Amino acid sequence: MEFTVSKADLVRELSLTQGVVERKATIPILSNILCEAAGDKLTLTATDLELSIQTTCAAKVQTEGSGTIPAKKLLDLARLLPDGDIRFKLLQNHWVQIVSDRKTYKLVGLSKENFPSLPSLPPASVRVPAKLLANLIAKTIFAISAEESRYTLNGALAVLKPDGMMMVATDGHRLALMEADHRFDGLPGEARTLVPKKALAEILRLVSEAAEDAEVEFSQDESHLFFRLGERLLVARKLTGQFPNFEAVLPRDNTKVVVLDRAELQDALRRVSQLADQRSHAVKLTIAREGIEFSASSPDYGEAKEAIEREYRGDPIAIGFNAEYLLDFLSAAPDGPIALELKDEQSAGQLRPQGDPQTRYRYVVMPMRI
């Protein structure tokens, strides 16, 4: 294997693989990236067995072939090299020589025979606008459970319909749901898929580099999900199990409603939560005719109280929430009015941005004892 590639192209594509490369090095080959030079391009593949990414860039190939190179060390070195072309040559015992200008380096590689192979890519079943998919992910990914024991909650449920798409995530304490209208040609009916959190995060990275009108080709086989964006392919192992019946927990009788500006609500919560208990992050919301009052206290820091004047015609109510959960949602929500919908002190509250009829975003959060 011998090829020449530009530093800018190499660093760009290598950067996209770093979120997938195995860092713990329990299996040494997974810390390496597979480089395959053929025709007029270089193909880079990284995997941690659960998630794989394959990407390409233009290259001048003198001798076709393939080999593996330590992924992080290659990226760190490439970033430090001067702009221009970098030449690679596979040597004996899997070593790889790297030449830039009059600088020469040799990295210790591993046998390509030990690198896991990617599953075959099935035909695309649906094309999803990249920006639409990124918006759905960004609005829900923060609600995915971080507890590995809750396996089916370690991802988001994606629901595709002929006339729209929905994504739902929950950790048992809060739930984020986003719906968007879009016509999917060739989709016969509803399709539901559990997408792992790490795959969603990598999709966001890929889409951030995509053109405004780019589309993600989605397909699946019995064990894997495939997301193709141009010359880049992301393969994720499917999550097995049954996602909870989220429809059953969506509030239906939350008649106590107060509408607040997103930025104003976010700023008040940020300030008041500074003096909240550092374990529970509990903040009390007291809603009455004159508006809404936020309060928090802790024996270590003191107490805080702040009020926002708003018209409210319902019965007074006092309820506690984890401020971190509310702030996660407000960071993802669009600017503008947010409706806070409550039923009573023991029932889940719901927050919904107002204004965009094309997308329906709601956030359900369980209350805390205060």
Protein backbone atom coordinates (compact mmCIF):
# COMPACT_ATOMS: atom_id res chain seq x y z
CA MET A 1 0.00 0.00 0.00
CA GLU A 2 1.36 3.38 -1.02
CA PHE A 3 -0.61 6.61 -1.46
CA THR A 4 -0.54 10.40 -1.11
CA VAL A 5 -3.32 12.44 0.50
CA SER A 6 -3.73 16.09 1.44
CA LYS A 7 -3.43 16.96 5.12
CA ALA A 8 -6.73 18.89 5.14
CA ASP A 9 -8.70 15.97 3.69
CA LEU A 10 -7.07 13.43 5.98
CA VAL A 11 -7.56 15.44 9.18
CA ARG A 12 -11.21 16.16 8.31
CA GLU A 13 -12.10 12.51 7.76
CA LEU A 14 -9.99 11.18 10.64
CA SER A 15 -11.71 13.62 13.02
CA LEU A 16 -15.08 12.12 12.13
CA THR A 17 -13.91 8.65 13.15
CA GLN A 18 -12.59 9.50 16.62
CA GLY A 19 -15.93 9.15 18.39
CA VAL A 20 -16.13 5.54 17.25
CA VAL A 21 -12.55 4.38 17.87
CA GLU A 22 -12.26 2.15 20.95
CA ARG A 23 -10.26 4.02 23.63
CA LYS A 24 -10.00 1.33 26.35
CA ALA A 25 -7.80 -0.83 24.10
CA THR A 26 -9.08 -4.09 25.60
CA ILE A 27 -8.93 -5.34 22.00
CA PRO A 28 -5.85 -3.58 20.50
CA ILE A 29 -7.02 -3.73 16.87
CA LEU A 30 -10.07 -1.59 17.76
CA SER A 31 -7.74 1.31 18.62
CA ASN A 32 -6.55 1.25 15.01
CA ILE A 33 -8.13 2.60 11.86
CA LEU A 34 -8.27 0.51 8.70
CA CYS A 35 -6.85 2.36 5.68
CA GLU A 36 -7.70 1.00 2.22
CA ALA A 37 -6.18 2.66 -0.85
CA ALA A 38 -7.78 1.81 -4.20
CA GLY A 39 -8.52 3.66 -7.41
CA ASP A 40 -8.38 7.35 -6.63
CA LYS A 41 -9.52 7.32 -3.03
CA LEU A 42 -8.61 6.36 0.51
CA THR A 43 -11.24 4.59 2.62
CA LEU A 44 -11.02 4.85 6.41
CA THR A 45 -12.91 2.48 8.73
CA ALA A 46 -13.18 2.55 12.53
CA THR A 47 -15.24 0.36 14.86
CA ASP A 48 -15.83 -0.50 18.52
CA LEU A 49 -17.96 -3.53 17.50
CA GLU A 50 -21.17 -1.73 18.54
CA LEU A 51 -20.72 1.19 16.16
CA SER A 52 -18.71 1.48 12.95
CA ILE A 53 -17.95 4.37 10.61
CA GLN A 54 -16.54 4.35 7.11
CA THR A 55 -15.50 7.47 5.25
CA THR A 56 -13.44 8.31 2.17
CA CYS A 57 -11.29 11.08 0.74
CA ALA A 58 -9.44 11.69 -2.53
CA ALA A 59 -5.96 10.18 -2.79
CA LYS A 60 -3.21 9.56 -5.34
CA VAL A 61 -2.73 5.80 -5.09
CA GLN A 62 0.66 4.48 -6.23
CA THR A 63 0.12 0.93 -4.93
CA GLU A 64 -3.29 -0.39 -3.93
CA GLY A 65 -3.57 -2.16 -0.60
CA SER A 66 -4.65 -1.81 3.02
CA GLY A 67 -3.28 -1.69 6.55
CA THR A 68 -4.16 -0.51 10.05
CA ILE A 69 -2.68 2.49 11.88
CA PRO A 70 -3.23 3.67 15.51
CA ALA A 71 -6.15 6.05 15.04
CA LYS A 72 -5.58 8.68 17.72
CA LYS A 73 -1.81 8.84 17.19
CA LEU A 74 -2.31 9.25 13.44
CA LEU A 75 -4.74 12.14 13.91
CA ASP A 76 -2.53 13.84 16.52
CA LEU A 77 0.47 13.60 14.18
CA ALA A 78 -1.43 14.69 11.07
CA ARG A 79 -2.70 17.82 12.82
CA LEU A 80 0.87 18.84 13.67
CA LEU A 81 2.23 18.36 10.15
CA PRO A 82 2.49 21.34 7.77
CA ASP A 83 -0.21 21.89 5.16
CA GLY A 84 0.26 19.98 1.96
CA ASP A 85 0.54 16.37 0.86
CA ILE A 86 1.31 13.46 3.18
CA ARG A 87 2.74 10.21 1.74
CA PHE A 88 2.01 6.81 3.26
CA LYS A 89 3.78 3.51 2.59
CA LEU A 90 3.12 0.11 4.17
CA LEU A 91 6.36 -1.53 5.32
CA GLN A 92 7.20 -4.98 6.66
CA ASN A 93 5.65 -6.24 9.91
CA HIS A 94 2.67 -3.89 9.43
CA TRP A 95 4.70 -0.72 10.07
CA VAL A 96 3.58 2.36 8.16
CA GLN A 97 5.93 5.09 6.95
CA ILE A 98 4.59 8.65 6.85
CA VAL A 99 6.45 11.37 4.96
CA SER A 100 5.61 15.08 4.90
CA ASP A 101 8.07 17.42 3.22
CA ARG A 102 11.41 16.33 4.71
CA LYS A 103 9.85 14.82 7.83
CA THR A 104 9.64 11.03 8.17
CA TYR A 105 7.78 8.98 10.76
CA LYS A 106 7.05 5.29 11.25
CA LEU A 107 4.02 4.02 13.16
CA VAL A 108 3.53 0.48 14.42
CA GLY A 109 0.43 -1.03 12.81
CA LEU A 110 -1.38 -4.31 13.31
CA SER A 111 -2.43 -7.02 10.88
CA LYS A 112 -5.45 -6.00 8.83
CA GLU A 113 -6.63 -9.63 9.02
CA ASN A 114 -7.68 -9.03 12.64
CA PHE A 115 -9.78 -5.94 11.82
CA PRO A 116 -13.54 -6.70 12.04
CA SER A 117 -15.40 -6.60 8.72
CA LEU A 118 -18.49 -4.44 8.26
CA PRO A 119 -21.84 -6.04 7.42
CA SER A 120 -23.08 -5.68 3.84
CA LEU A 121 -25.06 -2.52 3.15
CA PRO A 122 -28.69 -3.34 2.23
CA PRO A 123 -30.67 -1.13 -0.19
CA ALA A 124 -31.88 2.15 1.33
CA SER A 125 -35.44 1.88 2.63
CA VAL A 126 -36.03 5.61 3.16
CA ARG A 127 -34.28 8.95 2.68
CA VAL A 128 -34.49 11.42 5.56
CA PRO A 129 -33.49 15.09 5.16
CA ALA A 130 -30.27 15.44 7.19
CA LYS A 131 -31.31 18.69 8.89
CA LEU A 132 -34.68 17.20 9.90
CA LEU A 133 -32.97 14.17 11.43
CA ALA A 134 -30.45 16.37 13.27
CA ASN A 135 -33.25 18.52 14.70
CA LEU A 136 -35.13 15.47 16.01
CA ILE A 137 -31.97 14.08 17.61
CA ALA A 138 -30.92 17.37 19.21
CA LYS A 139 -34.37 17.80 20.77
CA THR A 140 -34.39 14.36 22.40
CA ILE A 141 -30.89 12.91 22.93
CA PHE A 142 -30.38 14.51 26.34
CA ALA A 143 -33.32 12.54 27.81
CA ILE A 144 -31.78 9.14 27.00
CA SER A 145 -30.89 7.10 30.08
CA ALA A 146 -27.23 6.86 31.07
CA GLU A 147 -27.82 3.70 33.14
CA GLU A 148 -26.46 0.74 31.20
CA SER A 149 -28.73 -1.66 33.11
CA ARG A 150 -31.79 -0.02 31.51
CA TYR A 151 -30.84 -1.35 28.11
CA THR A 152 -33.91 -0.35 26.10
CA LEU A 153 -33.64 3.22 27.42
CA ASN A 154 -30.05 3.60 26.16
CA GLY A 155 -31.36 4.86 22.83
CA ALA A 156 -34.20 6.81 21.25
CA LEU A 157 -37.23 5.40 19.47
CA ALA A 158 -37.47 6.64 15.88
CA VAL A 159 -40.91 6.30 14.29
CA LEU A 160 -41.21 6.76 10.53
CA LYS A 161 -44.61 7.28 8.91
CA PRO A 162 -45.53 8.11 5.30
CA ASP A 163 -46.41 11.69 6.36
CA GLY A 164 -43.93 12.37 9.14
CA MET A 165 -41.30 11.30 11.65
CA MET A 166 -41.14 11.18 15.42
CA MET A 167 -38.35 10.59 17.94
CA VAL A 168 -38.85 9.77 21.61
CA ALA A 169 -36.35 9.38 24.47
CA THR A 170 -36.81 8.79 28.19
CA ASP A 171 -34.80 7.83 31.27
CA GLY A 172 -37.85 7.11 33.42
CA HIS A 173 -37.78 10.56 35.09
CA ARG A 174 -38.41 12.69 32.01
CA LEU A 175 -39.44 12.16 28.39
CA ALA A 176 -38.69 14.20 25.28
CA LEU A 177 -40.83 13.77 22.16
CA MET A 178 -40.46 15.55 18.84
CA GLU A 179 -42.72 15.16 15.79
CA ALA A 180 -42.21 16.69 12.35
CA ASP A 181 -44.23 16.62 9.15
CA HIS A 182 -42.52 15.26 6.05
CA ARG A 183 -43.65 13.20 3.07
CA PHE A 184 -41.63 9.98 2.73
CA ASP A 185 -42.01 8.48 -0.72
CA GLY A 186 -42.13 4.69 -0.93
CA LEU A 187 -42.76 4.11 2.77
CA PRO A 188 -45.74 1.73 2.96
CA GLY A 189 -46.55 2.12 6.65
CA GLU A 190 -45.19 2.88 10.10
CA ALA A 191 -41.68 1.70 10.97
CA ARG A 192 -40.23 1.80 14.50
CA THR A 193 -36.52 1.54 15.29
CA LEU A 194 -34.48 1.86 18.49
CA VAL A 195 -31.32 3.85 17.77
CA PRO A 196 -28.43 3.72 20.31
CA LYS A 197 -27.38 7.01 21.90
CA LYS A 198 -23.80 6.79 20.61
CA ALA A 199 -25.07 6.34 17.05
CA LEU A 200 -27.31 9.41 17.42
CA ALA A 201 -24.36 11.49 18.63
CA GLU A 202 -22.26 10.41 15.65
CA ILE A 203 -25.11 11.18 13.22
CA LEU A 204 -25.17 14.73 14.62
CA ARG A 205 -21.44 15.04 13.91
CA LEU A 206 -21.83 13.79 10.36
CA VAL A 207 -24.81 16.03 9.62
CA SER A 208 -22.98 19.12 10.95
CA GLU A 209 -20.67 18.78 7.92
CA ALA A 210 -23.48 18.16 5.41
CA ALA A 211 -25.04 20.53 2.90
CA GLU A 212 -28.39 22.16 3.68
CA ASP A 213 -30.29 19.86 1.29
CA ALA A 214 -28.40 16.64 2.13
CA GLU A 215 -30.29 13.43 2.80
CA VAL A 216 -29.48 10.45 5.01
CA GLU A 217 -30.18 7.07 3.44
CA PHE A 218 -31.50 4.73 6.13
CA SER A 219 -31.65 0.94 5.92
CA GLN A 220 -31.45 -2.03 8.27
CA ASP A 221 -30.94 -5.77 8.42
CA GLU A 222 -31.68 -8.20 11.25
CA SER A 223 -28.88 -6.93 13.50
CA HIS A 224 -27.73 -3.53 12.23
CA LEU A 225 -28.88 -0.02 11.35
CA PHE A 226 -27.22 1.76 8.41
CA PHE A 227 -27.04 5.54 7.94
CA ARG A 228 -25.37 6.72 4.73
CA LEU A 229 -24.62 10.39 4.11
CA GLY A 230 -22.79 10.88 0.83
CA GLU A 231 -19.53 8.93 0.99
CA ARG A 232 -19.84 8.40 4.75
CA LEU A 233 -21.47 5.34 6.29
CA LEU A 234 -22.42 4.76 9.92
CA VAL A 235 -23.37 1.23 11.04
CA ALA A 236 -24.90 0.63 14.49
CA ARG A 237 -25.79 -2.62 16.18
CA LYS A 238 -29.52 -2.69 16.95
CA LEU A 239 -30.82 -2.30 20.48
CA THR A 240 -33.03 -5.24 21.37
CA GLY A 241 -36.02 -5.18 23.67
CA GLN A 242 -39.28 -3.27 23.96
CA PHE A 243 -39.32 0.49 24.32
CA PRO A 244 -41.80 1.61 27.02
CA ASN A 245 -45.35 2.55 26.05
CA PHE A 246 -44.65 6.28 26.02
CA GLU A 247 -48.16 7.20 24.87
CA ALA A 248 -49.49 6.04 28.24
CA VAL A 249 -47.45 8.63 30.19
CA LEU A 250 -48.24 11.66 28.04
CA PRO A 251 -50.34 14.06 30.17
CA ARG A 252 -53.92 14.65 29.02
CA ASP A 253 -55.54 16.65 31.83
CA ASN A 254 -52.92 19.31 32.54
CA THR A 255 -55.30 22.26 32.64
CA LYS A 256 -53.20 24.63 34.78
CA VAL A 257 -51.22 26.52 32.14
CA VAL A 258 -48.80 29.41 32.36
CA VAL A 259 -46.89 30.73 29.31
CA LEU A 260 -43.33 32.02 29.79
CA ASP A 261 -40.59 33.26 27.50
CA ARG A 262 -37.92 30.59 27.04
CA ALA A 263 -34.94 32.83 27.74
CA GLU A 264 -36.59 34.45 30.78
CA LEU A 265 -37.51 31.04 32.23
CA GLN A 266 -34.04 29.66 31.55
CA ASP A 267 -32.27 32.61 33.17
CA ALA A 268 -34.46 32.45 36.30
CA LEU A 269 -33.88 28.71 36.70
CA ARG A 270 -30.14 29.08 36.19
CA ARG A 271 -29.89 31.69 38.91
CA VAL A 272 -32.16 30.03 41.47
CA SER A 273 -30.68 26.57 40.95
CA GLN A 274 -27.27 27.88 42.03
CA LEU A 275 -28.52 27.61 45.63
CA ALA A 276 -30.41 24.33 45.19
CA ASP A 277 -29.36 21.12 46.90
CA GLN A 278 -26.44 19.77 44.86
CA ARG A 279 -27.73 16.19 44.91
CA SER A 280 -31.42 16.67 44.15
CA HIS A 281 -31.20 20.00 42.22
CA ALA A 282 -34.74 20.61 43.49
CA VAL A 283 -36.42 23.89 42.63
CA LYS A 284 -39.93 24.81 43.80
CA LEU A 285 -42.36 26.50 41.40
CA THR A 286 -45.28 28.34 43.02
CA ILE A 287 -47.89 29.51 40.52
CA ALA A 288 -50.61 31.93 41.57
CA ARG A 289 -52.73 34.70 40.07
CA GLU A 290 -49.87 37.22 40.11
CA GLY A 291 -47.40 34.93 38.33
CA ILE A 292 -44.78 32.28 39.05
CA GLU A 293 -42.22 32.18 41.85
CA PHE A 294 -39.05 30.05 41.76
CA SER A 295 -37.34 29.11 45.00
CA ALA A 296 -34.58 26.80 46.16
CA SER A 297 -32.54 26.25 49.30
CA SER A 298 -29.71 24.14 50.66
CA PRO A 299 -28.05 24.02 54.09
CA ASP A 300 -24.64 24.46 52.45
CA TYR A 301 -25.32 27.51 50.27
CA GLY A 302 -28.43 29.36 51.41
CA GLU A 303 -31.69 30.11 49.67
CA ALA A 304 -32.95 31.86 46.53
CA LYS A 305 -36.28 33.28 45.47
CA GLU A 306 -37.24 34.92 42.19
CA ALA A 307 -40.59 35.84 40.62
CA ILE A 308 -41.87 36.42 37.07
CA GLU A 309 -45.14 38.29 36.58
CA ARG A 310 -47.50 36.47 34.24
CA GLU A 311 -51.24 36.23 33.76
CA TYR A 312 -52.58 33.01 35.30
CA ARG A 313 -56.26 32.24 35.89
CA GLY A 314 -56.13 28.72 37.30
CA ASP A 315 -56.03 27.46 40.87
CA PRO A 316 -52.77 28.10 42.74
CA ILE A 317 -50.25 25.24 42.69
CA ALA A 318 -46.82 24.55 44.18
CA ILE A 319 -44.66 21.83 42.62
CA GLY A 320 -41.03 20.75 42.66
CA PHE A 321 -38.81 19.77 39.74
CA ASN A 322 -35.19 18.84 39.14
CA ALA A 323 -33.80 22.10 37.74
CA GLU A 324 -31.22 20.24 35.63
CA TYR A 325 -34.01 18.41 33.79
CA LEU A 326 -35.82 21.66 33.01
CA LEU A 327 -32.61 23.38 31.87
CA ASP A 328 -31.75 20.47 29.54
CA PHE A 329 -35.04 21.02 27.75
CA LEU A 330 -34.75 24.81 27.66
CA SER A 331 -31.27 24.56 26.09
CA ALA A 332 -32.76 22.49 23.24
CA ALA A 333 -36.05 24.38 22.84
CA PRO A 334 -36.42 27.20 20.29
CA ASP A 335 -36.70 30.84 21.34
CA GLY A 336 -40.18 32.13 22.03
CA PRO A 337 -43.06 31.30 24.36
CA ILE A 338 -43.07 28.03 26.34
CA ALA A 339 -46.28 26.66 27.85
CA LEU A 340 -45.86 25.02 31.27
CA GLU A 341 -48.83 22.68 31.74
CA LEU A 342 -49.63 21.15 35.15
CA LYS A 343 -52.37 19.03 36.71
CA ASP A 344 -51.51 18.75 40.42
CA GLU A 345 -48.50 18.47 42.74
CA GLN A 346 -48.08 14.70 42.22
CA SER A 347 -48.57 14.46 38.43
CA ALA A 348 -46.03 14.93 35.65
CA GLY A 349 -45.65 18.41 34.21
CA GLN A 350 -45.39 19.14 30.52
CA LEU A 351 -43.53 21.89 28.65
CA ARG A 352 -44.34 22.75 25.03
CA PRO A 353 -42.87 25.45 22.78
CA GLN A 354 -45.57 27.48 21.08
CA GLY A 355 -45.57 28.70 17.51
CA ASP A 356 -44.25 26.18 14.97
CA PRO A 357 -47.11 24.07 13.54
CA GLN A 358 -44.74 21.95 11.40
CA THR A 359 -42.99 20.49 14.44
CA ARG A 360 -44.58 19.37 17.69
CA TYR A 361 -42.21 19.26 20.62
CA ARG A 362 -43.16 18.26 24.14
CA TYR A 363 -41.24 17.48 27.28
CA VAL A 364 -42.71 15.54 30.20
CA VAL A 365 -40.96 15.63 33.58
CA MET A 366 -41.89 13.93 36.84
CA PRO A 367 -42.30 16.14 39.94
CA MET A 368 -40.20 15.95 43.13
CA ARG A 369 -41.24 16.07 46.74
CA ILE A 370 -40.48 19.46 48.22
